[in-house]
């Protein structure tokens, strides 16, 4: 996985003007691997890489010019009641769901979510976003196929 990140660092830096993270601390955990914009179809494709994308636990929303991804992961901890553990009965298992928020600024607004899919073995999340485009002859907005 390290080779994938090192090969795409230059790409990540060149597209920061188009799509970038709201919080730069998130960019240490999540990398923008690919960005493709097709103005004729009104589509934008963003591919993200992170160890957080190992399971299908993501919710994706679009608000104004932000793409918001909420990743939830189940955390199991074992905590002992005593400092010195003498038997298995003094253990108590606790679990909780930790949620993380990843926000990306999009180039403009009026986007809508077309599709997203996860490739868990490669830790990739691909998101396809659509945008209304205007026809030159009538000026009306159409939704591309």
Protein backbone atom coordinates (compact mmCIF):
# COMPACT_ATOMS: atom_id res chain seq x y z
CA UNK A 1 0.00 0.00 0.00
CA UNK A 2 2.91 2.37 0.59
CA UNK A 3 3.78 2.37 -3.13
CA UNK A 4 0.28 3.60 -4.02
CA UNK A 5 0.56 6.57 -1.68
CA UNK A 6 4.06 7.54 -2.81
CA UNK A 7 3.12 7.39 -6.49
CA UNK A 8 0.15 9.70 -6.04
CA UNK A 9 1.54 12.40 -3.77
CA UNK A 10 2.30 14.67 -6.73
CA UNK A 11 -1.22 14.18 -8.07
CA UNK A 12 -2.67 14.95 -4.64
CA UNK A 13 -0.80 18.27 -4.47
CA UNK A 14 -1.73 19.40 -7.99
CA UNK A 15 -5.49 19.00 -7.54
CA UNK A 16 -5.74 20.72 -4.16
CA UNK A 17 -7.26 23.78 -5.83
CA UNK A 18 -10.22 21.80 -7.20
CA UNK A 19 -11.13 19.42 -4.38
CA UNK A 20 -9.53 19.81 -0.96
CA UNK A 21 -10.12 18.86 2.65
CA UNK A 22 -11.83 21.27 5.01
CA UNK A 23 -9.53 20.18 7.85
CA UNK A 24 -5.93 19.57 6.78
CA UNK A 25 -5.38 17.18 9.72
CA UNK A 26 -7.69 14.72 7.93
CA UNK A 27 -5.35 14.68 4.93
CA UNK A 28 -2.83 12.72 7.03
CA UNK A 29 -5.29 9.80 7.23
CA UNK A 30 -7.17 10.14 3.94
CA UNK A 31 -5.51 10.73 0.57
CA UNK A 32 -7.08 11.90 -2.68
CA UNK A 33 -5.85 9.27 -5.13
CA UNK A 34 -7.68 10.30 -8.30
CA UNK A 35 -9.78 13.19 -9.48
CA UNK A 36 -11.51 13.28 -12.86
CA UNK A 37 -13.91 15.91 -14.14
CA UNK A 38 -16.03 15.39 -17.26
CA UNK A 39 -17.73 18.72 -18.07
CA UNK A 40 -19.64 17.28 -21.05
CA UNK A 41 -21.47 14.80 -18.81
CA UNK A 42 -21.46 17.04 -15.75
CA UNK A 43 -19.72 14.40 -13.65
CA UNK A 44 -16.91 14.50 -11.14
CA UNK A 45 -15.17 11.34 -9.89
CA UNK A 46 -13.14 11.38 -6.69
CA UNK A 47 -11.18 8.37 -5.41
CA UNK A 48 -10.03 8.36 -1.79
CA UNK A 49 -7.56 6.05 -0.03
CA UNK A 50 -7.55 5.39 3.71
CA UNK A 51 -7.17 2.54 6.18
CA UNK A 52 -10.59 3.64 7.48
CA UNK A 53 -12.25 2.27 4.32
CA UNK A 54 -11.78 -1.40 5.21
CA UNK A 55 -15.49 -2.04 5.80
CA UNK A 56 -18.70 -0.67 4.39
CA UNK A 57 -19.40 1.75 7.25
CA UNK A 58 -19.65 5.07 5.39
CA UNK A 59 -22.45 7.56 4.97
CA UNK A 60 -21.97 10.16 2.24
CA UNK A 61 -23.81 13.47 1.95
CA UNK A 62 -23.52 16.62 -0.11
CA UNK A 63 -24.31 20.00 1.45
CA UNK A 64 -23.79 23.18 -0.58
CA UNK A 65 -20.20 22.89 -1.83
CA UNK A 66 -19.10 20.17 0.63
CA UNK A 67 -18.87 16.43 0.29
CA UNK A 68 -19.29 14.96 3.78
CA UNK A 69 -18.26 11.39 4.60
CA UNK A 70 -19.04 9.94 8.01
CA UNK A 71 -17.04 6.81 8.80
CA UNK A 72 -18.06 4.68 11.76
CA UNK A 73 -15.96 1.92 13.26
CA UNK A 74 -16.64 -0.47 16.12
CA UNK A 75 -14.03 -0.33 18.89
CA UNK A 76 -13.77 -3.20 21.39
CA UNK A 77 -11.76 -2.72 24.56
CA UNK A 78 -11.08 -5.00 27.48
CA UNK A 79 -10.74 -3.26 30.81
CA UNK A 80 -9.88 -4.87 34.10
CA UNK A 81 -11.53 -3.84 37.34
CA UNK A 82 -8.36 -4.39 39.37
CA UNK A 83 -4.78 -3.43 38.79
CA UNK A 84 -3.70 -7.02 39.34
CA UNK A 85 -5.87 -9.49 37.48
CA UNK A 86 -6.28 -12.85 39.13
CA UNK A 87 -9.05 -14.46 37.07
CA UNK A 88 -11.15 -13.97 33.94
CA UNK A 89 -14.16 -12.68 35.90
CA UNK A 90 -12.47 -9.38 36.68
CA UNK A 91 -12.39 -8.42 32.98
CA UNK A 92 -15.17 -6.33 31.51
CA UNK A 93 -15.46 -5.92 27.78
CA UNK A 94 -16.65 -2.58 26.47
CA UNK A 95 -17.44 -1.62 22.92
CA UNK A 96 -18.43 1.63 21.32
CA UNK A 97 -18.80 3.14 17.86
CA UNK A 98 -16.30 5.83 16.94
CA UNK A 99 -17.41 8.20 14.20
CA UNK A 100 -15.13 10.33 12.06
CA UNK A 101 -16.07 13.22 9.83
CA UNK A 102 -14.28 13.79 6.51
CA UNK A 103 -15.28 16.93 4.60
CA UNK A 104 -14.09 17.95 1.15
CA UNK A 105 -14.75 21.24 -0.60
CA UNK A 106 -16.05 20.76 -4.14
CA UNK A 107 -15.40 23.13 -7.08
CA UNK A 108 -18.72 24.98 -6.96
CA UNK A 109 -22.15 23.96 -5.76
CA UNK A 110 -25.32 22.32 -7.13
CA UNK A 111 -23.74 18.86 -7.06
CA UNK A 112 -25.68 15.69 -6.31
CA UNK A 113 -24.49 12.20 -5.42
CA UNK A 114 -24.80 9.69 -8.24
CA UNK A 115 -23.02 6.66 -6.84
CA UNK A 116 -20.30 5.53 -4.49
CA UNK A 117 -18.61 2.19 -4.11
CA UNK A 118 -15.99 0.75 -1.82
CA UNK A 119 -13.07 -1.51 -2.71
CA UNK A 120 -12.21 -2.77 0.81
CA UNK A 121 -9.18 -4.89 -0.11
CA UNK A 122 -7.47 -1.80 -1.59
CA UNK A 123 -8.90 0.66 0.99
CA UNK A 124 -10.43 2.76 -1.81
CA UNK A 125 -13.67 4.71 -1.84
CA UNK A 126 -14.83 5.95 -5.25
CA UNK A 127 -17.47 8.67 -5.37
CA UNK A 128 -19.26 9.79 -8.54
CA UNK A 129 -20.92 13.20 -8.32
CA UNK A 130 -23.15 14.85 -10.91
CA UNK A 131 -23.86 18.47 -11.66
CA UNK A 132 -26.59 20.17 -13.65
CA UNK A 133 -25.29 21.46 -16.96
CA UNK A 134 -26.85 24.13 -19.14
CA UNK A 135 -27.51 23.74 -22.83
CA UNK A 136 -26.15 26.51 -25.02
CA UNK A 137 -29.24 26.85 -27.21
CA UNK A 138 -32.01 27.11 -24.63
CA UNK A 139 -30.17 27.94 -21.43
CA UNK A 140 -32.19 25.29 -19.56
CA UNK A 141 -30.47 22.97 -17.15
CA UNK A 142 -30.47 19.30 -18.03
CA UNK A 143 -29.53 16.26 -16.04
CA UNK A 144 -26.92 14.24 -17.95
CA UNK A 145 -27.20 10.47 -18.35
